[in-house]
Amino acid sequence: MSKLLLNLRMVPEDEADDVRGFLDDHRIEYYEIEPSRWGISFGGIWVKHDADIPQAKRLMAEYQARRRDAAREAHDAARRDGTAETFGDIARREPLRVALTALAIVVLLGLMALLPYYLMRR
């Protein structure tokens, strides 16, 4: 029975290509379901044979650990260089979005603070 190895929701194309590559390199048979036209299904990479699932999961775990470590190193390097994105960068680039988000937070906190008072008055 086939088993889902990777849900392609919000997966960068280079990561999906890497997964296809290591499955091909280890001769693990798989098939891919394309995302639906209306976004109901995001697609996925499925391992065909039950016998290959443990090896595919092990390879996937190793790949994700390497990718995680590389992303952390890149982020740390960007922080050291001063090129990492900060809240100030986002606020300068998208001031309306930041202001509306802050306003929504304040409104929700206000409603939460008033809710017990309203419920007790009933």
Protein backbone atom coordinates (compact mmCIF):
# COMPACT_ATOMS: atom_id res chain seq x y z
CA MET A 1 0.00 0.00 0.00
CA SER A 2 1.32 3.43 -0.88
CA LYS A 3 2.35 5.83 1.87
CA LEU A 4 2.61 9.61 1.75
CA LEU A 5 6.22 10.71 2.18
CA LEU A 6 5.95 14.43 1.49
CA ASN A 7 2.91 16.68 1.33
CA LEU A 8 3.77 19.34 -1.23
CA ARG A 9 1.86 22.13 0.53
CA MET A 10 4.17 25.15 0.72
CA VAL A 11 7.22 23.03 -0.20
CA PRO A 12 9.81 24.91 -2.26
CA GLU A 13 10.51 23.36 -5.65
CA ASP A 14 14.18 22.78 -4.81
CA GLU A 15 13.21 20.69 -1.78
CA ALA A 16 10.76 18.60 -3.81
CA ASP A 17 13.48 18.10 -6.45
CA ASP A 18 15.94 16.98 -3.75
CA VAL A 19 13.43 14.44 -2.41
CA ARG A 20 12.78 13.09 -5.91
CA GLY A 21 16.55 12.91 -6.41
CA PHE A 22 17.35 10.89 -3.30
CA LEU A 23 14.44 8.55 -4.00
CA ASP A 24 15.77 7.99 -7.53
CA ASP A 25 19.35 7.54 -6.25
CA HIS A 26 18.24 4.80 -3.85
CA ARG A 27 15.91 3.19 -6.41
CA ILE A 28 12.82 3.75 -4.32
CA GLU A 29 9.73 3.73 -6.51
CA TYR A 30 7.37 6.62 -5.96
CA TYR A 31 4.68 8.56 -7.69
CA GLU A 32 3.57 12.12 -7.42
CA ILE A 33 0.10 13.58 -7.20
CA GLU A 34 -0.12 17.06 -8.68
CA PRO A 35 -1.91 19.85 -6.78
CA SER A 36 -5.54 20.31 -7.71
CA ARG A 37 -6.55 23.22 -9.85
CA TRP A 38 -8.65 24.85 -7.11
CA GLY A 39 -6.27 24.31 -4.20
CA ILE A 40 -8.29 21.58 -2.49
CA SER A 41 -5.39 19.14 -2.64
CA PHE A 42 -1.78 20.31 -2.62
CA GLY A 43 -0.31 17.14 -4.02
CA GLY A 44 2.31 14.86 -2.59
CA ILE A 45 5.08 12.37 -3.15
CA TRP A 46 4.02 8.81 -2.33
CA VAL A 47 6.21 5.74 -1.84
CA LYS A 48 4.79 2.81 -3.84
CA HIS A 49 5.93 -0.26 -1.89
CA ASP A 50 5.56 -1.00 1.81
CA ALA A 51 9.06 -2.50 1.95
CA ASP A 52 10.61 0.82 0.88
CA ILE A 53 8.80 2.97 3.45
CA PRO A 54 11.28 2.58 6.37
CA GLN A 55 14.25 3.41 4.14
CA ALA A 56 12.40 6.35 2.56
CA LYS A 57 11.48 7.74 5.99
CA ARG A 58 15.07 7.34 7.19
CA LEU A 59 16.40 9.13 4.11
CA MET A 60 13.79 11.86 4.54
CA ALA A 61 14.74 12.38 8.18
CA GLU A 62 18.43 12.65 7.27
CA TYR A 63 17.65 15.08 4.44
CA GLN A 64 15.47 17.27 6.65
CA ALA A 65 18.16 17.36 9.35
CA ARG A 66 20.75 18.50 6.78
CA ARG A 67 18.36 21.10 5.36
CA ARG A 68 17.50 22.36 8.85
CA ASP A 69 21.17 22.70 9.78
CA ALA A 70 21.95 24.55 6.54
CA ALA A 71 19.02 26.94 7.08
CA ARG A 72 20.13 27.65 10.65
CA GLU A 73 23.70 28.29 9.54
CA ALA A 74 22.49 30.64 6.80
CA HIS A 75 20.27 32.51 9.26
CA ASP A 76 23.07 32.79 11.82
CA ALA A 77 25.43 34.08 9.12
CA ALA A 78 22.85 36.65 8.04
CA ARG A 79 22.42 37.79 11.65
CA ARG A 80 26.19 38.14 12.06
CA ASP A 81 26.43 40.08 8.78
CA GLY A 82 23.47 42.27 9.70
CA THR A 83 21.50 41.19 6.63
CA ALA A 84 18.82 39.16 8.45
CA GLU A 85 15.31 40.54 8.14
CA THR A 86 14.09 42.33 11.26
CA PHE A 87 10.74 43.65 12.40
CA GLY A 88 11.90 47.14 11.44
CA ASP A 89 12.59 45.97 7.89
CA ILE A 90 9.08 44.55 7.62
CA ALA A 91 7.53 47.70 9.12
CA ARG A 92 9.36 49.90 6.61
CA ARG A 93 8.47 47.66 3.67
CA GLU A 94 4.80 47.06 4.63
CA PRO A 95 3.69 49.78 7.06
CA LEU A 96 -0.03 49.39 6.34
CA ARG A 97 0.03 45.65 6.99
CA VAL A 98 1.92 46.13 10.27
CA ALA A 99 -0.44 48.91 11.39
CA LEU A 100 -3.56 46.90 10.55
CA THR A 101 -2.19 43.83 12.32
CA ALA A 102 -1.39 45.89 15.44
CA LEU A 103 -4.88 47.44 15.33
CA ALA A 104 -6.50 44.00 15.03
CA ILE A 105 -4.52 42.79 18.05
CA VAL A 106 -5.59 45.79 20.11
CA VAL A 107 -9.25 45.33 19.11
CA LEU A 108 -9.17 41.62 19.98
CA LEU A 109 -7.51 42.28 23.33
CA GLY A 110 -10.14 44.93 24.05
CA LEU A 111 -12.95 42.53 23.22
CA MET A 112 -11.40 39.86 25.42
CA ALA A 113 -11.12 42.32 28.30
CA LEU A 114 -14.76 43.41 27.91
CA LEU A 115 -16.24 39.93 27.49
CA PRO A 116 -16.22 38.95 31.20
CA TYR A 117 -17.85 42.28 32.11
CA TYR A 118 -20.54 41.75 29.46
CA LEU A 119 -21.21 38.17 30.59
CA MET A 120 -21.48 39.15 34.24
CA ARG A 121 -23.97 41.93 33.47
CA ARG A 122 -26.38 39.47 31.85
